[in-house]
Amino acid sequence: MSERLSVPEPFRIPRPLTAAEVDTLHAIADVLVPAAGDDPAATSDPDFDAALKTALNARSDAFDAITAVLEELHGSDAAKVEQSLRTMHAERSEVFQALSAVVAGAWLLSPQVTKRIGYPGQGRFPAAFDDAANELSSGILDPVLERGSVFTPAPREKS
């Protein structure tokens, strides 16, 4: 057993995508995040493919479903891809959710995109010193304090 107390094992896809799967995923991405006005399509971003690997790893639980969709849609034109995605959204929403999360996640990982949409990114924003006192004095925790402790520790495994 690993001694990774607070850091879980990283998610990993079981294999890299084939060139055909990447091409099909690009076609899907450009339907889900098309060029509009001054904003380019998802795959126009030079960092998209690297971000795609990260997003796929994050949804490695859905890898088989995603690659099955890529096989179904391989060689399809944009109109067929769009219609298939609409049908998938209506009939297989869990697959559509995973696929669209990978595409949108990869797109949002791009520094150019986050700058364009004004997203500052994640950061450490510690609470001010008196925030805790202000929250306590607002009464927000009164029901919890009145209820009392309900914590029940889990039994420890014997070594």
N, C-alpha and C. Protein backbone atom coordinates (compact mmCIF):
# COMPACT_ATOMS: atom_id res chain seq x y z
N MET A 1 0.83 -1.19 0.00
CA MET A 1 0.00 0.00 0.00
C MET A 1 0.87 1.25 0.00
N SER A 2 0.48 2.23 -0.77
CA SER A 2 1.20 3.48 -0.86
C SER A 2 0.93 4.34 0.37
N GLU A 3 1.89 5.12 0.75
CA GLU A 3 1.73 6.02 1.90
C GLU A 3 1.40 7.44 1.46
N ARG A 4 0.58 7.59 0.43
CA ARG A 4 0.18 8.89 -0.09
C ARG A 4 -0.99 9.39 0.75
N LEU A 5 -0.71 10.03 1.85
CA LEU A 5 -1.75 10.39 2.80
C LEU A 5 -2.71 11.44 2.26
N SER A 6 -2.21 12.50 1.67
CA SER A 6 -3.11 13.56 1.24
C SER A 6 -3.06 13.84 -0.25
N VAL A 7 -2.24 13.12 -0.98
CA VAL A 7 -2.12 13.34 -2.41
C VAL A 7 -2.59 12.08 -3.13
N PRO A 8 -3.73 12.15 -3.79
CA PRO A 8 -4.21 10.94 -4.47
C PRO A 8 -3.35 10.60 -5.68
N GLU A 9 -3.45 9.35 -6.11
CA GLU A 9 -2.77 8.93 -7.31
C GLU A 9 -3.30 9.76 -8.49
N PRO A 10 -2.44 10.17 -9.41
CA PRO A 10 -2.92 10.95 -10.55
C PRO A 10 -3.77 10.10 -11.49
N PHE A 11 -4.73 10.73 -12.13
CA PHE A 11 -5.54 10.06 -13.13
C PHE A 11 -4.74 9.99 -14.43
N ARG A 12 -4.83 8.88 -15.12
CA ARG A 12 -4.12 8.71 -16.39
C ARG A 12 -5.00 7.91 -17.34
N ILE A 13 -4.99 8.35 -18.60
CA ILE A 13 -5.69 7.57 -19.61
C ILE A 13 -4.86 6.32 -19.89
N PRO A 14 -5.51 5.22 -20.30
CA PRO A 14 -4.78 3.97 -20.47
C PRO A 14 -3.82 3.94 -21.66
N ARG A 15 -4.04 4.83 -22.63
CA ARG A 15 -3.17 4.88 -23.81
C ARG A 15 -3.33 6.25 -24.45
N PRO A 16 -2.36 6.66 -25.25
CA PRO A 16 -2.52 7.92 -25.99
C PRO A 16 -3.58 7.75 -27.08
N LEU A 17 -4.18 8.85 -27.48
CA LEU A 17 -5.11 8.81 -28.60
C LEU A 17 -4.35 8.58 -29.90
N THR A 18 -4.98 7.91 -30.82
CA THR A 18 -4.39 7.73 -32.15
C THR A 18 -4.54 9.04 -32.92
N ALA A 19 -3.83 9.15 -34.03
CA ALA A 19 -3.93 10.35 -34.88
C ALA A 19 -5.37 10.53 -35.37
N ALA A 20 -6.03 9.44 -35.73
CA ALA A 20 -7.42 9.52 -36.20
C ALA A 20 -8.34 10.00 -35.08
N GLU A 21 -8.11 9.53 -33.85
CA GLU A 21 -8.93 9.96 -32.72
C GLU A 21 -8.72 11.45 -32.42
N VAL A 22 -7.48 11.91 -32.52
CA VAL A 22 -7.19 13.33 -32.30
C VAL A 22 -7.88 14.17 -33.37
N ASP A 23 -7.81 13.75 -34.63
CA ASP A 23 -8.48 14.49 -35.71
C ASP A 23 -9.98 14.59 -35.45
N THR A 24 -10.59 13.50 -35.02
CA THR A 24 -12.02 13.51 -34.75
C THR A 24 -12.33 14.38 -33.55
N LEU A 25 -11.49 14.33 -32.53
CA LEU A 25 -11.70 15.18 -31.36
C LEU A 25 -11.55 16.65 -31.73
N HIS A 26 -10.65 16.96 -32.65
CA HIS A 26 -10.53 18.33 -33.15
C HIS A 26 -11.82 18.77 -33.84
N ALA A 27 -12.39 17.89 -34.65
CA ALA A 27 -13.65 18.22 -35.34
C ALA A 27 -14.76 18.48 -34.33
N ILE A 28 -14.82 17.67 -33.28
CA ILE A 28 -15.81 17.86 -32.22
C ILE A 28 -15.56 19.18 -31.49
N ALA A 29 -14.30 19.45 -31.17
CA ALA A 29 -13.95 20.68 -30.45
C ALA A 29 -14.34 21.91 -31.24
N ASP A 30 -14.13 21.89 -32.54
CA ASP A 30 -14.46 23.05 -33.35
C ASP A 30 -15.96 23.23 -33.56
N VAL A 31 -16.74 22.18 -33.30
CA VAL A 31 -18.20 22.32 -33.30
C VAL A 31 -18.64 22.87 -31.94
N LEU A 32 -18.06 22.36 -30.86
CA LEU A 32 -18.45 22.81 -29.52
C LEU A 32 -17.93 24.21 -29.19
N VAL A 33 -16.74 24.54 -29.68
CA VAL A 33 -16.15 25.87 -29.45
C VAL A 33 -15.72 26.41 -30.81
N PRO A 34 -16.70 26.89 -31.60
CA PRO A 34 -16.37 27.37 -32.95
C PRO A 34 -15.78 28.78 -32.93
N ALA A 35 -15.18 29.15 -34.04
CA ALA A 35 -14.73 30.53 -34.19
C ALA A 35 -15.97 31.43 -34.20
N ALA A 36 -15.87 32.56 -33.53
CA ALA A 36 -16.99 33.51 -33.48
C ALA A 36 -16.42 34.92 -33.34
N GLY A 37 -16.69 35.75 -34.33
CA GLY A 37 -16.16 37.11 -34.29
C GLY A 37 -14.64 37.09 -34.28
N ASP A 38 -14.06 37.74 -33.29
CA ASP A 38 -12.59 37.77 -33.16
C ASP A 38 -12.05 36.56 -32.42
N ASP A 39 -12.94 35.72 -31.89
CA ASP A 39 -12.49 34.57 -31.11
C ASP A 39 -12.29 33.37 -32.02
N PRO A 40 -11.10 32.78 -31.97
CA PRO A 40 -10.82 31.62 -32.83
C PRO A 40 -11.47 30.35 -32.29
N ALA A 41 -11.55 29.34 -33.14
CA ALA A 41 -12.06 28.03 -32.72
C ALA A 41 -11.09 27.42 -31.71
N ALA A 42 -11.59 26.45 -30.96
CA ALA A 42 -10.79 25.81 -29.90
C ALA A 42 -9.45 25.31 -30.41
N THR A 43 -9.45 24.64 -31.54
CA THR A 43 -8.22 24.02 -32.02
C THR A 43 -7.24 24.99 -32.66
N SER A 44 -7.64 26.25 -32.79
CA SER A 44 -6.71 27.26 -33.32
C SER A 44 -5.64 27.62 -32.31
N ASP A 45 -5.89 27.33 -31.06
CA ASP A 45 -4.95 27.65 -30.01
C ASP A 45 -3.75 26.70 -30.09
N PRO A 46 -2.54 27.22 -30.10
CA PRO A 46 -1.36 26.35 -30.23
C PRO A 46 -1.17 25.41 -29.03
N ASP A 47 -1.76 25.73 -27.88
CA ASP A 47 -1.60 24.90 -26.70
C ASP A 47 -2.74 23.89 -26.53
N PHE A 48 -3.66 23.84 -27.49
CA PHE A 48 -4.86 23.01 -27.32
C PHE A 48 -4.53 21.53 -27.15
N ASP A 49 -3.64 20.99 -27.97
CA ASP A 49 -3.36 19.55 -27.89
C ASP A 49 -2.72 19.15 -26.57
N ALA A 50 -1.83 19.98 -26.05
CA ALA A 50 -1.22 19.68 -24.75
C ALA A 50 -2.28 19.74 -23.65
N ALA A 51 -3.15 20.74 -23.74
CA ALA A 51 -4.23 20.86 -22.75
C ALA A 51 -5.22 19.71 -22.88
N LEU A 52 -5.40 19.23 -24.09
CA LEU A 52 -6.30 18.10 -24.33
C LEU A 52 -5.83 16.86 -23.57
N LYS A 53 -4.55 16.63 -23.53
CA LYS A 53 -4.01 15.49 -22.78
C LYS A 53 -4.33 15.64 -21.29
N THR A 54 -4.17 16.84 -20.77
CA THR A 54 -4.48 17.08 -19.36
C THR A 54 -5.96 16.86 -19.08
N ALA A 55 -6.81 17.39 -19.96
CA ALA A 55 -8.26 17.24 -19.77
C ALA A 55 -8.69 15.78 -19.90
N LEU A 56 -8.10 15.05 -20.83
CA LEU A 56 -8.42 13.62 -20.96
C LEU A 56 -8.00 12.85 -19.71
N ASN A 57 -6.85 13.18 -19.17
CA ASN A 57 -6.43 12.53 -17.93
C ASN A 57 -7.41 12.82 -16.80
N ALA A 58 -7.91 14.03 -16.75
CA ALA A 58 -8.87 14.40 -15.70
C ALA A 58 -10.16 13.61 -15.82
N ARG A 59 -10.54 13.24 -17.04
CA ARG A 59 -11.76 12.43 -17.25
C ARG A 59 -11.40 11.04 -17.74
N SER A 60 -10.32 10.49 -17.20
CA SER A 60 -9.90 9.14 -17.59
C SER A 60 -10.98 8.10 -17.29
N ASP A 61 -11.87 8.41 -16.36
CA ASP A 61 -12.97 7.50 -16.04
C ASP A 61 -13.89 7.28 -17.25
N ALA A 62 -13.92 8.23 -18.16
CA ALA A 62 -14.81 8.16 -19.32
C ALA A 62 -14.05 7.88 -20.62
N PHE A 63 -12.81 7.45 -20.50
CA PHE A 63 -11.97 7.27 -21.69
C PHE A 63 -12.60 6.32 -22.71
N ASP A 64 -13.11 5.19 -22.25
CA ASP A 64 -13.69 4.21 -23.18
C ASP A 64 -14.91 4.79 -23.91
N ALA A 65 -15.75 5.50 -23.18
CA ALA A 65 -16.94 6.11 -23.80
C ALA A 65 -16.53 7.18 -24.80
N ILE A 66 -15.53 7.98 -24.44
CA ILE A 66 -15.07 9.05 -25.34
C ILE A 66 -14.46 8.46 -26.61
N THR A 67 -13.61 7.46 -26.46
CA THR A 67 -12.99 6.87 -27.66
C THR A 67 -14.02 6.15 -28.52
N ALA A 68 -15.07 5.62 -27.91
CA ALA A 68 -16.14 5.00 -28.71
C ALA A 68 -16.84 6.06 -29.56
N VAL A 69 -17.07 7.24 -29.00
CA VAL A 69 -17.67 8.34 -29.76
C VAL A 69 -16.73 8.77 -30.88
N LEU A 70 -15.44 8.83 -30.59
CA LEU A 70 -14.47 9.23 -31.62
C LEU A 70 -14.48 8.23 -32.77
N GLU A 71 -14.64 6.96 -32.46
CA GLU A 71 -14.71 5.94 -33.51
C GLU A 71 -16.00 6.11 -34.33
N GLU A 72 -17.11 6.37 -33.64
CA GLU A 72 -18.40 6.57 -34.33
C GLU A 72 -18.35 7.75 -35.30
N LEU A 73 -17.69 8.82 -34.89
CA LEU A 73 -17.72 10.07 -35.66
C LEU A 73 -16.53 10.26 -36.59
N HIS A 74 -15.61 9.31 -36.60
CA HIS A 74 -14.42 9.45 -37.44
C HIS A 74 -14.81 9.71 -38.90
N GLY A 75 -14.24 10.74 -39.49
CA GLY A 75 -14.48 11.07 -40.89
C GLY A 75 -15.75 11.85 -41.15
N SER A 76 -16.51 12.20 -40.10
CA SER A 76 -17.76 12.94 -40.28
C SER A 76 -17.49 14.41 -40.55
N ASP A 77 -18.36 15.03 -41.35
CA ASP A 77 -18.25 16.47 -41.56
C ASP A 77 -18.86 17.21 -40.37
N ALA A 78 -18.67 18.53 -40.34
CA ALA A 78 -19.11 19.34 -39.20
C ALA A 78 -20.61 19.23 -38.95
N ALA A 79 -21.41 19.16 -40.01
CA ALA A 79 -22.86 19.07 -39.84
C ALA A 79 -23.25 17.75 -39.16
N LYS A 80 -22.62 16.66 -39.58
CA LYS A 80 -22.90 15.35 -38.96
C LYS A 80 -22.43 15.33 -37.51
N VAL A 81 -21.25 15.92 -37.25
CA VAL A 81 -20.74 15.98 -35.88
C VAL A 81 -21.72 16.75 -35.01
N GLU A 82 -22.19 17.90 -35.49
CA GLU A 82 -23.12 18.70 -34.70
C GLU A 82 -24.41 17.94 -34.41
N GLN A 83 -24.98 17.31 -35.43
CA GLN A 83 -26.21 16.55 -35.23
C GLN A 83 -25.99 15.38 -34.25
N SER A 84 -24.88 14.71 -34.38
CA SER A 84 -24.57 13.59 -33.47
C SER A 84 -24.41 14.08 -32.04
N LEU A 85 -23.78 15.23 -31.87
CA LEU A 85 -23.62 15.78 -30.52
C LEU A 85 -24.97 16.18 -29.92
N ARG A 86 -25.85 16.74 -30.73
CA ARG A 86 -27.19 17.09 -30.25
C ARG A 86 -27.96 15.84 -29.82
N THR A 87 -27.86 14.79 -30.61
CA THR A 87 -28.52 13.52 -30.27
C THR A 87 -27.92 12.94 -29.00
N MET A 88 -26.59 12.97 -28.92
CA MET A 88 -25.91 12.46 -27.74
C MET A 88 -26.33 13.23 -26.49
N HIS A 89 -26.43 14.55 -26.60
CA HIS A 89 -26.85 15.37 -25.46
C HIS A 89 -28.24 14.95 -24.98
N ALA A 90 -29.13 14.64 -25.91
CA ALA A 90 -30.50 14.27 -25.56
C ALA A 90 -30.61 12.83 -25.06
N GLU A 91 -29.84 11.92 -25.66
CA GLU A 91 -30.04 10.50 -25.38
C GLU A 91 -28.96 9.85 -24.51
N ARG A 92 -27.76 10.40 -24.54
CA ARG A 92 -26.65 9.84 -23.74
C ARG A 92 -25.93 11.00 -23.05
N SER A 93 -26.65 11.68 -22.18
CA SER A 93 -26.14 12.91 -21.59
C SER A 93 -24.85 12.71 -20.80
N GLU A 94 -24.68 11.55 -20.16
CA GLU A 94 -23.46 11.32 -19.38
C GLU A 94 -22.23 11.24 -20.29
N VAL A 95 -22.38 10.69 -21.48
CA VAL A 95 -21.27 10.63 -22.43
C VAL A 95 -21.00 12.03 -22.99
N PHE A 96 -22.09 12.74 -23.32
CA PHE A 96 -21.92 14.11 -23.82
C PHE A 96 -21.24 14.99 -22.77
N GLN A 97 -21.63 14.83 -21.52
CA GLN A 97 -21.05 15.64 -20.46
C GLN A 97 -19.55 15.40 -20.36
N ALA A 98 -19.14 14.14 -20.40
CA ALA A 98 -17.71 13.83 -20.30
C ALA A 98 -16.94 14.37 -21.49
N LEU A 99 -17.47 14.16 -22.68
CA LEU A 99 -16.82 14.63 -23.90
C LEU A 99 -16.71 16.15 -23.93
N SER A 100 -17.80 16.82 -23.62
CA SER A 100 -17.79 18.28 -23.64
C SER A 100 -16.92 18.85 -22.51
N ALA A 101 -16.85 18.15 -21.38
CA ALA A 101 -15.96 18.60 -20.30
C ALA A 101 -14.50 18.53 -20.73
N VAL A 102 -14.14 17.50 -21.48
CA VAL A 102 -12.77 17.38 -21.98
C VAL A 102 -12.46 18.52 -22.94
N VAL A 103 -13.36 18.78 -23.87
CA VAL A 103 -13.12 19.83 -24.87
C VAL A 103 -13.09 21.21 -24.20
N ALA A 104 -14.11 21.51 -23.40
CA ALA A 104 -14.16 22.82 -22.74
C ALA A 104 -13.01 22.97 -21.76
N GLY A 105 -12.69 21.90 -21.04
CA GLY A 105 -11.57 21.96 -20.10
C GLY A 105 -10.26 22.25 -20.80
N ALA A 106 -10.02 21.58 -21.92
CA ALA A 106 -8.79 21.82 -22.68
C ALA A 106 -8.75 23.25 -23.18
N TRP A 107 -9.87 23.73 -23.68
CA TRP A 107 -9.94 25.11 -24.19
C TRP A 107 -9.66 26.11 -23.07
N LEU A 108 -10.24 25.88 -21.90
CA LEU A 108 -10.07 26.82 -20.79
C LEU A 108 -8.70 26.75 -20.13
N LEU A 109 -7.93 25.72 -20.41
CA LEU A 109 -6.58 25.63 -19.87
C LEU A 109 -5.59 26.53 -20.61
N SER A 110 -5.99 27.04 -21.75
CA SER A 110 -5.10 27.88 -22.54
C SER A 110 -4.92 29.26 -21.92
N PRO A 111 -3.68 29.69 -21.73
CA PRO A 111 -3.45 31.03 -21.19
C PRO A 111 -4.06 32.14 -22.06
N GLN A 112 -4.07 31.93 -23.39
CA GLN A 112 -4.65 32.94 -24.28
C GLN A 112 -6.16 33.06 -24.05
N VAL A 113 -6.81 31.92 -23.83
CA VAL A 113 -8.26 31.93 -23.61
C VAL A 113 -8.58 32.56 -22.26
N THR A 114 -7.88 32.17 -21.22
CA THR A 114 -8.17 32.74 -19.91
C THR A 114 -7.94 34.25 -19.90
N LYS A 115 -6.94 34.69 -20.62
CA LYS A 115 -6.71 36.14 -20.72
C LYS A 115 -7.85 36.81 -21.49
N ARG A 116 -8.26 36.18 -22.60
CA ARG A 116 -9.31 36.74 -23.44
C ARG A 116 -10.65 36.85 -22.70
N ILE A 117 -10.96 35.86 -21.85
CA ILE A 117 -12.24 35.90 -21.14
C ILE A 117 -12.13 36.59 -19.78
N GLY A 118 -10.91 37.00 -19.42
CA GLY A 118 -10.74 37.74 -18.17
C GLY A 118 -10.71 36.89 -16.92
N TYR A 119 -10.39 35.60 -17.04
CA TYR A 119 -10.32 34.72 -15.88
C TYR A 119 -8.93 34.84 -15.25
N PRO A 120 -8.84 35.25 -14.00
CA PRO A 120 -7.53 35.45 -13.39
C PRO A 120 -6.82 34.16 -13.00
N GLY A 121 -7.52 33.05 -13.04
CA GLY A 121 -6.92 31.78 -12.64
C GLY A 121 -7.08 31.54 -11.16
N GLN A 122 -6.69 30.36 -10.75
CA GLN A 122 -6.77 30.02 -9.34
C GLN A 122 -5.61 30.65 -8.63
N GLY A 123 -5.85 31.02 -7.42
CA GLY A 123 -4.79 31.63 -6.63
C GLY A 123 -5.10 31.50 -5.17
N ARG A 124 -4.15 31.86 -4.38
CA ARG A 124 -4.33 31.82 -2.93
C ARG A 124 -4.82 33.19 -2.49
N PHE A 125 -6.01 33.22 -1.93
CA PHE A 125 -6.60 34.46 -1.45
C PHE A 125 -7.01 34.25 0.01
N PRO A 126 -6.05 34.35 0.94
CA PRO A 126 -6.37 34.08 2.34
C PRO A 126 -7.37 35.09 2.89
N ALA A 127 -8.16 34.61 3.82
CA ALA A 127 -9.15 35.48 4.46
C ALA A 127 -8.44 36.53 5.31
N ALA A 128 -9.08 37.66 5.45
CA ALA A 128 -8.55 38.72 6.31
C ALA A 128 -8.60 38.26 7.76
N PHE A 129 -7.78 38.85 8.59
CA PHE A 129 -7.66 38.46 9.99
C PHE A 129 -9.00 38.48 10.72
N ASP A 130 -9.80 39.50 10.47
CA ASP A 130 -11.05 39.63 11.22
C ASP A 130 -12.26 38.97 10.55
N ASP A 131 -12.06 38.29 9.42
CA ASP A 131 -13.18 37.62 8.76
C ASP A 131 -13.84 36.56 9.63
N ALA A 132 -13.05 35.78 10.35
CA ALA A 132 -13.62 34.73 11.20
C ALA A 132 -14.48 35.35 12.30
N ALA A 133 -13.98 36.39 12.92
CA ALA A 133 -14.76 37.05 13.98
C ALA A 133 -16.05 37.65 13.41
N ASN A 134 -15.96 38.23 12.23
CA ASN A 134 -17.17 38.80 11.61
C ASN A 134 -18.19 37.72 11.30
N GLU A 135 -17.74 36.58 10.80
CA GLU A 135 -18.65 35.48 10.50
C GLU A 135 -19.29 34.95 11.78
N LEU A 136 -18.50 34.76 12.82
CA LEU A 136 -19.05 34.26 14.07
C LEU A 136 -20.06 35.23 14.66
N SER A 137 -19.76 36.51 14.60
CA SER A 137 -20.68 37.50 15.18
C SER A 137 -21.95 37.67 14.35
N SER A 138 -21.95 37.21 13.10
CA SER A 138 -23.15 37.33 12.26
C SER A 138 -24.21 36.32 12.65
N GLY A 139 -23.82 35.28 13.43
CA GLY A 139 -24.77 34.26 13.84
C GLY A 139 -24.89 33.10 12.89
N ILE A 140 -24.09 33.09 11.85
CA ILE A 140 -24.20 32.04 10.84
C ILE A 140 -23.95 30.64 11.43
N LEU A 141 -23.11 30.56 12.46
CA LEU A 141 -22.80 29.25 13.05
C LEU A 141 -23.65 28.91 14.27
N ASP A 142 -24.56 29.79 14.66
CA ASP A 142 -25.38 29.53 15.85
C ASP A 142 -26.11 28.19 15.82
N PRO A 143 -26.75 27.81 14.71
CA PRO A 143 -27.42 26.49 14.70
C PRO A 143 -26.45 25.32 14.91
N VAL A 144 -25.24 25.46 14.39
CA VAL A 144 -24.25 24.40 14.55
C VAL A 144 -23.79 24.33 16.01
N LEU A 145 -23.54 25.49 16.60
CA LEU A 145 -23.11 25.53 17.99
C LEU A 145 -24.20 25.01 18.93
N GLU A 146 -25.46 25.34 18.64
CA GLU A 146 -26.59 24.86 19.45
C GLU A 146 -26.75 23.35 19.33
N ARG A 147 -26.53 22.81 18.15
CA ARG A 147 -26.67 21.38 17.92
C ARG A 147 -25.63 20.59 18.71
N GLY A 148 -24.43 21.13 18.81
CA GLY A 148 -23.37 20.43 19.51
C GLY A 148 -22.61 19.50 18.58
N SER A 149 -21.65 18.82 19.15
CA SER A 149 -20.77 17.95 18.38
C SER A 149 -21.51 16.70 17.91
N VAL A 150 -21.30 16.34 16.67
CA VAL A 150 -21.87 15.11 16.13
C VAL A 150 -20.80 14.25 15.46
N PHE A 151 -19.57 14.63 15.63
CA PHE A 151 -18.47 13.91 15.00
C PHE A 151 -18.31 12.54 15.62
N THR A 152 -18.23 11.54 14.79
CA THR A 152 -17.96 10.18 15.24
C THR A 152 -16.74 9.69 14.48
N PRO A 153 -15.63 9.51 15.17
CA PRO A 153 -14.43 9.08 14.45
C PRO A 153 -14.59 7.68 13.87
N ALA A 154 -13.97 7.48 12.72
CA ALA A 154 -13.98 6.17 12.09
C ALA A 154 -13.07 5.24 12.88
N PRO A 155 -13.44 3.98 12.99
CA PRO A 155 -12.55 3.04 13.71
C PRO A 155 -11.24 2.90 12.96
N ARG A 156 -10.18 2.81 13.70
CA ARG A 156 -8.85 2.64 13.11
C ARG A 156 -8.62 1.18 12.75
N GLU A 157 -7.94 0.99 11.61
CA GLU A 157 -7.57 -0.37 11.23
C GLU A 157 -6.41 -0.83 12.11
N LYS A 158 -6.44 -2.09 12.49
CA LYS A 158 -5.36 -2.63 13.30
C LYS A 158 -4.23 -3.07 12.38
N SER A 159 -3.03 -2.74 12.77
CA SER A 159 -1.86 -3.08 11.97
C SER A 159 -1.45 -4.50 12.14
